[in-house]
Amino acid sequence: MAAEKNQLRVGRLLKAHGLKGALKLELYTDNPERRFVPGAEFTLQVPEASSWHGKTVTIREYRVMNGNSVVFLDGVDDRTAAESLVRAILWMDEDDETEDDAWYAHQLVGLDVVRDNRVVGRVARVEHLPAQDLLIVKTDTGDVMVPFVEAIVPSVDIAAGRIVVTPPPGLFEELPAADSPDDAPSE
């Protein structure tokens, strides 16, 4: 028996687009041109009452129209069929082709966050923002949002279960208050 692959959430169907079965797509991947190729198959997450429950869909075509990602699916040839898929979430098998310095969020969650050879917290989740991803690190004093950029997160070691951080002062601790004008020596 083959080992079961992890599934990745890669998109959500937002609404029907036009009359020929196209659907606008909200992307949960940073590489749609590689994921949404003709013939790519996705598992659907839909309510049990949906006629699509337990089924998969196959991409016929992916394109960007007026700044929106749009997909055409095999067997979805008109607006009525497309509307029956609105709000469906698309899942696909995790592929083994990953770039160096690229990780899936589920690989990072739970890793220890290490600063100056001391564990300061654990990754609780990853937030994907337009500018960059943020690691939400649970510490003894609360959650800390750490920009997931090489200058602050120079090392990720999945096998060792740790992420090394070199944060700027004040990210993980309170900074002493600057002297207020009232405390300045008088002349």
Protein backbone atom coordinates (compact mmCIF):
# COMPACT_ATOMS: atom_id res chain seq x y z
CA MET A 1 0.00 0.00 0.00
CA ALA A 2 1.40 3.41 -0.98
CA ALA A 3 1.92 6.02 1.70
CA GLU A 4 -0.86 8.58 1.71
CA LYS A 5 0.24 12.06 0.67
CA ASN A 6 -0.56 15.21 2.56
CA GLN A 7 -3.21 17.36 0.94
CA LEU A 8 -2.62 21.07 0.40
CA ARG A 9 -5.39 23.66 0.20
CA VAL A 10 -4.61 25.60 -2.98
CA GLY A 11 -7.73 27.60 -3.79
CA ARG A 12 -11.40 28.39 -3.28
CA LEU A 13 -13.98 28.85 -6.01
CA LEU A 14 -15.55 32.29 -5.47
CA LYS A 15 -18.25 32.72 -8.10
CA ALA A 16 -19.32 31.82 -11.59
CA HIS A 17 -17.70 33.94 -14.29
CA GLY A 18 -19.51 34.30 -17.59
CA LEU A 19 -21.80 31.77 -19.24
CA LYS A 20 -19.35 29.01 -20.25
CA GLY A 21 -18.68 27.46 -16.82
CA ALA A 22 -15.70 29.54 -15.71
CA LEU A 23 -15.16 30.18 -12.00
CA LYS A 24 -13.24 32.97 -10.28
CA LEU A 25 -10.63 31.50 -7.99
CA GLU A 26 -9.17 32.74 -4.70
CA LEU A 27 -5.58 31.50 -4.61
CA TYR A 28 -3.96 29.89 -1.58
CA THR A 29 -0.75 29.16 -3.49
CA ASP A 30 2.05 31.40 -4.67
CA ASN A 31 2.58 29.34 -7.83
CA PRO A 32 -0.79 29.07 -9.62
CA GLU A 33 0.78 28.62 -13.07
CA ARG A 34 2.37 25.37 -11.86
CA ARG A 35 -0.57 24.09 -9.81
CA PHE A 36 -3.50 24.88 -12.14
CA VAL A 37 -2.22 23.25 -15.33
CA PRO A 38 -4.56 21.42 -17.73
CA GLY A 39 -5.15 17.93 -16.37
CA ALA A 40 -4.37 18.81 -12.72
CA GLU A 41 -6.85 17.08 -10.41
CA PHE A 42 -8.22 18.51 -7.18
CA THR A 43 -10.21 17.03 -4.34
CA LEU A 44 -13.27 19.13 -3.49
CA GLN A 45 -14.22 20.24 0.00
CA VAL A 46 -17.96 20.87 -0.15
CA PRO A 47 -20.90 20.27 2.19
CA GLU A 48 -22.10 16.65 2.37
CA ALA A 49 -25.43 17.70 0.82
CA SER A 50 -23.66 18.94 -2.33
CA SER A 51 -23.86 16.83 -5.49
CA TRP A 52 -20.08 17.38 -5.70
CA HIS A 53 -19.35 15.77 -2.30
CA GLY A 54 -16.64 13.10 -2.54
CA LYS A 55 -15.75 14.05 -6.10
CA THR A 56 -12.70 15.52 -7.78
CA VAL A 57 -12.40 18.10 -10.55
CA THR A 58 -9.85 18.41 -13.33
CA ILE A 59 -8.52 21.68 -14.73
CA ARG A 60 -9.30 22.29 -18.39
CA GLU A 61 -7.81 25.79 -18.45
CA TYR A 62 -6.41 28.43 -16.07
CA ARG A 63 -6.10 32.08 -16.99
CA VAL A 64 -5.98 35.54 -15.47
CA MET A 65 -8.83 37.77 -16.66
CA ASN A 66 -9.04 41.41 -15.57
CA GLY A 67 -6.63 40.67 -12.72
CA ASN A 68 -8.67 37.69 -11.47
CA SER A 69 -7.63 34.04 -11.53
CA VAL A 70 -10.22 32.05 -13.46
CA VAL A 71 -10.47 28.29 -14.00
CA PHE A 72 -12.41 26.15 -16.44
CA LEU A 73 -13.09 22.61 -15.19
CA ASP A 74 -13.81 19.43 -17.15
CA GLY A 75 -17.54 18.72 -17.11
CA VAL A 76 -18.48 22.24 -15.97
CA ASP A 77 -19.74 23.75 -19.21
CA ASP A 78 -22.30 26.37 -18.20
CA ARG A 79 -23.05 28.94 -15.54
CA THR A 80 -25.52 26.68 -13.67
CA ALA A 81 -22.90 23.95 -13.22
CA ALA A 82 -20.32 26.56 -12.17
CA GLU A 83 -22.70 28.05 -9.58
CA SER A 84 -23.08 24.60 -7.98
CA LEU A 85 -19.35 24.74 -7.13
CA VAL A 86 -19.24 28.22 -5.59
CA ARG A 87 -17.44 28.22 -2.20
CA ALA A 88 -15.83 24.81 -2.85
CA ILE A 89 -12.26 24.53 -1.58
CA LEU A 90 -9.71 22.85 -3.83
CA TRP A 91 -7.17 20.44 -2.34
CA MET A 92 -4.32 18.65 -4.09
CA ASP A 93 -1.69 16.13 -3.15
CA GLU A 94 1.49 17.72 -1.82
CA ASP A 95 4.19 17.43 -4.42
CA ASP A 96 7.76 16.57 -3.60
CA GLU A 97 9.15 19.37 -5.78
CA THR A 98 9.93 22.12 -3.34
CA GLU A 99 12.41 24.90 -3.79
CA ASP A 100 15.33 25.28 -1.40
CA ASP A 101 14.21 27.83 1.21
CA ALA A 102 10.52 27.06 0.59
CA TRP A 103 8.30 25.33 3.13
CA TYR A 104 4.67 24.51 3.53
CA ALA A 105 2.92 26.13 6.50
CA HIS A 106 2.13 22.73 8.03
CA GLN A 107 5.88 21.98 8.10
CA LEU A 108 6.60 25.11 10.15
CA VAL A 109 3.78 24.89 12.69
CA GLY A 110 5.03 23.36 15.93
CA LEU A 111 8.72 24.11 15.35
CA ASP A 112 10.72 25.60 18.23
CA VAL A 113 11.85 29.18 17.69
CA VAL A 114 15.44 29.65 18.86
CA ARG A 115 17.17 32.96 19.64
CA ASP A 116 20.75 33.04 20.92
CA ASN A 117 20.67 29.23 21.45
CA ARG A 118 17.58 29.54 23.68
CA VAL A 119 14.03 28.45 22.80
CA VAL A 120 11.84 31.56 22.97
CA GLY A 121 8.60 30.06 21.64
CA ARG A 122 6.93 27.77 19.15
CA VAL A 123 5.36 28.49 15.75
CA ALA A 124 1.58 28.48 16.26
CA ARG A 125 0.59 29.32 12.67
CA VAL A 126 1.69 31.05 9.48
CA GLU A 127 -0.18 34.10 8.17
CA HIS A 128 0.13 34.74 4.42
CA LEU A 129 0.10 38.49 3.75
CA PRO A 130 0.68 40.35 0.47
CA ALA A 131 4.11 41.71 1.46
CA GLN A 132 5.46 38.59 3.18
CA ASP A 133 4.45 35.71 5.39
CA LEU A 134 4.34 36.12 9.16
CA LEU A 135 5.19 33.43 11.68
CA ILE A 136 2.88 33.67 14.69
CA VAL A 137 5.09 32.52 17.56
CA LYS A 138 3.50 31.51 20.87
CA THR A 139 5.72 32.66 23.77
CA ASP A 140 5.30 32.71 27.55
CA THR A 141 4.17 36.33 27.31
CA GLY A 142 1.81 35.98 24.32
CA ASP A 143 1.88 35.74 20.55
CA VAL A 144 4.65 37.47 18.58
CA MET A 145 4.36 38.22 14.85
CA VAL A 146 7.70 37.50 13.17
CA PRO A 147 8.21 38.58 9.55
CA PHE A 148 9.28 35.45 7.66
CA VAL A 149 12.22 37.08 5.87
CA GLU A 150 15.81 35.86 5.72
CA ALA A 151 17.18 38.83 7.70
CA ILE A 152 15.06 37.81 10.73
CA VAL A 153 14.69 34.06 10.08
CA PRO A 154 18.08 33.00 8.68
CA SER A 155 17.69 29.28 9.35
CA VAL A 156 14.87 26.73 9.16
CA ASP A 157 15.72 23.13 10.05
CA ILE A 158 12.62 20.96 9.66
CA ALA A 159 14.50 17.77 10.59
CA ALA A 160 15.80 19.29 13.84
CA GLY A 161 12.40 20.87 14.57
CA ARG A 162 13.70 24.40 14.93
CA ILE A 163 13.79 27.84 13.39
CA VAL A 164 16.60 30.24 14.29
CA VAL A 165 15.63 33.91 14.57
CA THR A 166 17.74 37.05 14.76
CA PRO A 167 15.04 39.62 15.53
CA PRO A 168 15.53 43.34 15.93
CA PRO A 169 15.38 44.65 19.51
CA GLY A 170 11.84 44.87 20.84
CA LEU A 171 10.32 42.08 18.78
CA PHE A 172 10.37 39.54 21.60
CA GLU A 173 10.78 41.87 24.59
CA GLU A 174 9.72 45.26 25.84
CA LEU A 175 12.28 47.97 25.26
CA PRO A 176 13.04 50.39 28.08
CA ALA A 177 11.11 53.61 27.65
CA ALA A 178 13.09 56.48 26.15
CA ASP A 179 13.76 59.36 28.48
CA SER A 180 10.81 61.68 28.45
CA PRO A 181 11.32 65.44 28.01
CA ASP A 182 10.32 65.90 31.68
CA ASP A 183 13.37 63.88 32.77
CA ALA A 184 15.84 65.92 30.72
CA PRO A 185 18.33 67.94 32.76
CA SER A 186 17.37 71.59 32.99
CA GLU A 187 19.76 74.28 31.81
